[in-house]
Amino acid sequence: MIYYVEDDENIRGLALYALKQAGLEAVGFADGNSFFEQADKSNCELILLDIMLPGTDGLTLLSEIRSDKQLCETPVMMLSAKGTEYDKVSALDAGADDYLAKPFGMMELVSRCKALLRRTGQKSSRTNTVYRCGPVEINQDAHEVKSNGVDVELSPKEFELLLTLMENEGRVLSRNQLLEDIWGISFVGETRTVDTHIQTLRRKLNRACDLSGNIIQTIHGVGYRAKASGYDK
């Protein structure tokens, strides 16, 4: 089930019609309160959020979704008239999985929804949920990271970045690969976004255990990899 939180009745109606015509189940809500009160969390596969909502705005609602035990892993696409690169990056860094600026075409909306649902299905097929690399351990199901036994608090994107690197331990992943896997194929921005998140991730890991962040190696001109022998890199 796709839930769409949008206060503009016309936009909400058109989007729901397009999604249903494409064979997707979708229900709309006018604000965040009605969404949390009426939505069936156990049947939620994708959430579409407008940013400029009455009462609780979309970014605050996104934060509440990421803190909700039943919804924290649900993919979220932001739909907003705020279309600058800063707005997009801010939403993605806050935990959104995709961002679509208004006005948007209904065919593109349907295509992006299907792409997000495919990505979610691929991630749910992972059989291993705990990965270890050097002193760092990441538990996908519990959404926990420990460095030398010390809990490390990460943002949703930092967690997904570390998970992707550790489940591909030893394999070099390019910046473009990481952008596509973590920020979505529709994200258009500088690959410096990856570099910035890597720097923050290393700093947080090192704060918990000296040099543990160095399990993330930089392969100059190529990308990054996780490797337990990387403490001296």
Protein backbone atom coordinates (compact mmCIF):
# COMPACT_ATOMS: atom_id res chain seq x y z
CA MET A 1 0.00 0.00 0.00
CA ILE A 2 1.23 3.50 -0.91
CA TYR A 3 0.23 6.38 1.37
CA TYR A 4 0.30 9.94 0.02
CA VAL A 5 0.21 12.90 2.45
CA GLU A 6 -0.75 16.02 0.47
CA ASP A 7 -3.04 18.89 1.47
CA ASP A 8 -3.85 19.95 -2.11
CA GLU A 9 -6.91 17.86 -2.96
CA ASN A 10 -6.48 18.21 -6.73
CA ILE A 11 -2.85 17.08 -6.76
CA ARG A 12 -3.61 14.26 -4.32
CA GLY A 13 -6.55 13.07 -6.40
CA LEU A 14 -4.62 13.07 -9.68
CA ALA A 15 -1.66 11.23 -8.16
CA LEU A 16 -3.84 8.58 -6.52
CA TYR A 17 -5.72 8.05 -9.79
CA ALA A 18 -2.45 7.62 -11.73
CA LEU A 19 -1.06 5.16 -9.18
CA LYS A 20 -4.24 3.09 -9.16
CA GLN A 21 -4.36 3.06 -12.97
CA ALA A 22 -0.84 1.62 -12.88
CA GLY A 23 -2.07 -1.22 -10.67
CA LEU A 24 -0.76 0.16 -7.38
CA GLU A 25 -2.83 0.42 -4.21
CA ALA A 26 -2.81 3.97 -2.85
CA VAL A 27 -4.59 6.01 -0.17
CA GLY A 28 -4.32 9.75 0.47
CA PHE A 29 -4.29 11.91 3.60
CA ALA A 30 -4.58 15.70 3.92
CA ASP A 31 -2.13 16.05 6.82
CA GLY A 32 0.25 14.20 9.08
CA ASN A 33 -2.19 13.76 11.94
CA SER A 34 -4.74 11.92 9.80
CA PHE A 35 -1.95 9.78 8.34
CA PHE A 36 -0.75 8.59 11.75
CA GLU A 37 -4.28 8.14 13.05
CA GLN A 38 -5.72 6.22 10.09
CA ALA A 39 -2.89 4.55 8.18
CA ASP A 40 -2.38 0.80 8.52
CA LYS A 41 1.31 0.79 9.41
CA SER A 42 1.63 -2.96 8.98
CA ASN A 43 0.59 -2.65 5.32
CA CYS A 44 2.70 0.37 4.37
CA GLU A 45 5.13 -0.19 1.48
CA LEU A 46 5.86 3.40 0.41
CA ILE A 47 5.10 6.89 1.74
CA LEU A 48 4.82 10.02 -0.41
CA LEU A 49 5.15 13.28 1.52
CA ASP A 50 4.55 16.88 0.62
CA ILE A 51 6.88 19.23 2.52
CA MET A 52 4.60 22.24 2.99
CA LEU A 53 1.75 20.65 4.95
CA PRO A 54 -0.66 22.28 7.39
CA GLY A 55 0.30 21.68 11.00
CA THR A 56 3.24 19.31 11.01
CA ASP A 57 5.45 19.96 7.96
CA GLY A 58 6.77 17.17 5.77
CA LEU A 59 10.35 17.16 7.09
CA THR A 60 9.14 16.93 10.69
CA LEU A 61 6.77 14.16 9.65
CA LEU A 62 9.70 12.40 7.95
CA SER A 63 11.63 12.53 11.23
CA GLU A 64 8.65 11.04 13.08
CA ILE A 65 8.38 8.27 10.49
CA ARG A 66 12.07 7.40 10.88
CA SER A 67 11.55 7.22 14.67
CA ASP A 68 8.51 4.96 14.40
CA LYS A 69 9.36 1.29 14.97
CA GLN A 70 6.84 0.08 12.38
CA LEU A 71 7.63 2.68 9.72
CA CYS A 72 11.35 3.44 10.15
CA GLU A 73 12.42 1.19 7.25
CA THR A 74 9.60 2.26 4.89
CA PRO A 75 10.86 4.14 1.80
CA VAL A 76 9.78 7.79 1.65
CA MET A 77 9.59 10.04 -1.39
CA MET A 78 9.30 13.79 -0.86
CA LEU A 79 7.10 15.71 -3.32
CA SER A 80 7.50 19.47 -3.12
CA ALA A 81 7.46 22.78 -4.96
CA LYS A 82 10.80 23.49 -3.27
CA GLY A 83 13.09 22.26 -6.01
CA THR A 84 16.57 23.66 -5.33
CA GLU A 85 19.52 21.30 -4.96
CA TYR A 86 19.80 22.38 -1.30
CA ASP A 87 16.18 21.40 -0.65
CA LYS A 88 16.71 18.00 -2.27
CA VAL A 89 19.95 17.25 -0.40
CA SER A 90 18.44 18.39 2.92
CA ALA A 91 15.49 16.02 2.50
CA LEU A 92 17.69 13.12 1.39
CA ASP A 93 20.08 13.63 4.29
CA ALA A 94 17.10 13.74 6.66
CA GLY A 95 16.18 10.21 5.59
CA ALA A 96 14.15 10.55 2.39
CA ASP A 97 14.79 7.94 -0.30
CA ASP A 98 13.82 10.11 -3.27
CA TYR A 99 12.72 13.65 -4.07
CA LEU A 100 10.42 14.84 -6.84
CA ALA A 101 9.92 18.55 -7.46
CA LYS A 102 6.52 19.98 -8.43
CA PRO A 103 5.14 20.29 -10.98
CA PHE A 104 5.78 16.67 -11.91
CA GLY A 105 4.37 14.34 -14.54
CA MET A 106 2.21 11.46 -13.37
CA MET A 107 4.14 8.97 -15.52
CA GLU A 108 7.37 9.97 -13.79
CA LEU A 109 5.72 9.69 -10.37
CA VAL A 110 4.50 6.16 -11.13
CA SER A 111 7.91 5.16 -12.52
CA ARG A 112 9.75 6.42 -9.44
CA CYS A 113 7.31 4.68 -7.11
CA LYS A 114 7.85 1.39 -8.90
CA ALA A 115 11.64 1.87 -8.77
CA LEU A 116 11.54 2.49 -5.01
CA LEU A 117 9.36 -0.55 -4.46
CA ARG A 118 11.80 -2.66 -6.49
CA ARG A 119 14.77 -1.38 -4.46
CA THR A 120 12.94 -2.16 -1.22
CA GLY A 121 12.19 -5.66 -2.43
CA GLN A 122 15.84 -6.24 -3.27
CA LYS A 123 16.97 -5.08 0.17
CA SER A 124 14.42 -7.24 1.97
CA SER A 125 15.84 -10.31 0.20
CA ARG A 126 19.17 -9.95 2.03
CA THR A 127 19.70 -13.11 4.09
CA ASN A 128 22.49 -11.83 6.34
CA THR A 129 21.50 -9.10 8.80
CA VAL A 130 24.70 -8.72 10.85
CA TYR A 131 28.02 -7.73 9.29
CA ARG A 132 31.41 -7.33 10.96
CA CYS A 133 34.50 -5.61 9.65
CA GLY A 134 37.40 -5.10 12.07
CA PRO A 135 35.96 -3.61 15.28
CA VAL A 136 32.77 -2.44 13.56
CA GLU A 137 29.52 -4.42 13.67
CA ILE A 138 26.27 -3.42 11.96
CA ASN A 139 22.93 -5.09 12.66
CA GLN A 140 20.46 -4.42 9.87
CA ASP A 141 17.35 -5.73 11.64
CA ALA A 142 18.02 -3.91 14.92
CA HIS A 143 19.32 -0.86 13.03
CA GLU A 144 22.33 -0.73 15.37
CA VAL A 145 26.02 -0.02 14.83
CA LYS A 146 28.75 -0.81 17.34
CA SER A 147 32.42 0.09 17.18
CA ASN A 148 34.50 -2.04 19.54
CA GLY A 149 31.26 -2.71 21.46
CA VAL A 150 30.35 0.98 21.75
CA ASP A 151 27.05 2.14 20.23
CA VAL A 152 27.41 4.58 17.32
CA GLU A 153 24.51 6.87 16.37
CA LEU A 154 24.17 7.31 12.61
CA SER A 155 21.71 9.13 10.38
CA PRO A 156 19.57 6.95 8.04
CA LYS A 157 21.82 7.67 5.05
CA GLU A 158 25.01 7.08 7.04
CA PHE A 159 23.62 3.75 8.24
CA GLU A 160 22.69 2.70 4.70
CA LEU A 161 26.09 3.80 3.39
CA LEU A 162 27.95 1.77 6.02
CA LEU A 163 25.67 -1.25 5.46
CA THR A 164 26.29 -1.15 1.70
CA LEU A 165 30.06 -0.95 2.15
CA MET A 166 30.20 -3.71 4.78
CA GLU A 167 27.99 -6.17 2.91
CA ASN A 168 30.37 -5.66 -0.04
CA GLU A 169 33.53 -5.90 2.11
CA GLY A 170 36.68 -5.89 0.01
CA ARG A 171 34.88 -4.72 -3.11
CA VAL A 172 35.49 -1.18 -4.40
CA LEU A 173 32.28 0.77 -4.97
CA SER A 174 32.39 3.89 -7.10
CA ARG A 175 30.80 7.15 -5.98
CA ASN A 176 28.21 6.80 -8.75
CA GLN A 177 27.35 3.27 -7.57
CA LEU A 178 26.85 4.52 -4.03
CA LEU A 179 24.72 7.44 -5.23
CA GLU A 180 22.52 5.07 -7.19
CA ASP A 181 22.21 2.45 -4.44
CA ILE A 182 21.66 4.82 -1.52
CA TRP A 183 20.29 8.08 -2.86
CA GLY A 184 18.37 6.55 -5.76
CA ILE A 185 18.86 6.59 -9.52
CA SER A 186 16.88 9.83 -9.79
CA PHE A 187 19.22 11.82 -7.50
CA VAL A 188 21.08 14.47 -9.45
CA GLY A 189 23.90 16.14 -7.55
CA GLU A 190 27.63 16.29 -6.98
CA THR A 191 29.40 13.08 -6.04
CA ARG A 192 30.87 15.15 -3.20
CA THR A 193 27.71 14.16 -1.36
CA VAL A 194 29.23 10.69 -0.96
CA ASP A 195 32.61 12.09 0.13
CA THR A 196 30.96 14.27 2.78
CA HIS A 197 28.99 11.35 4.21
CA ILE A 198 32.12 9.15 4.23
CA GLN A 199 34.02 11.80 6.21
CA THR A 200 31.21 12.10 8.76
CA LEU A 201 30.89 8.32 9.01
CA ARG A 202 34.61 7.91 9.66
CA ARG A 203 34.56 10.63 12.30
CA LYS A 204 31.65 9.02 14.17
CA LEU A 205 33.27 5.57 14.08
CA ASN A 206 36.62 6.97 15.23
CA ARG A 207 34.94 8.81 18.10
CA ALA A 208 33.72 5.46 19.44
CA CYS A 209 36.93 3.52 18.75
CA ASP A 210 40.19 5.14 17.63
CA LEU A 211 40.90 4.42 13.94
CA SER A 212 37.80 2.19 13.44
CA GLY A 213 36.63 4.62 10.77
CA ASN A 214 39.62 3.54 8.72
CA ILE A 215 37.89 0.30 7.78
CA ILE A 216 36.54 2.57 5.03
CA GLN A 217 39.36 2.91 2.52
CA THR A 218 39.61 5.52 -0.21
CA ILE A 219 40.67 4.08 -3.56
CA HIS A 220 41.78 7.25 -5.32
CA GLY A 221 40.11 7.86 -8.64
CA VAL A 222 37.75 4.92 -8.14
CA GLY A 223 35.69 5.04 -4.94
CA TYR A 224 35.53 3.39 -1.51
CA ARG A 225 35.63 -0.03 0.08
CA ALA A 226 35.32 -1.55 3.54
CA LYS A 227 38.28 -3.67 4.59
CA ALA A 228 39.37 -4.77 8.06
CA SER A 229 43.06 -4.31 7.21
CA GLY A 230 42.49 -0.62 6.53
CA TYR A 231 43.60 0.83 9.87
CA ASP A 232 46.90 2.06 8.46
CA LYS A 233 45.38 3.64 5.34
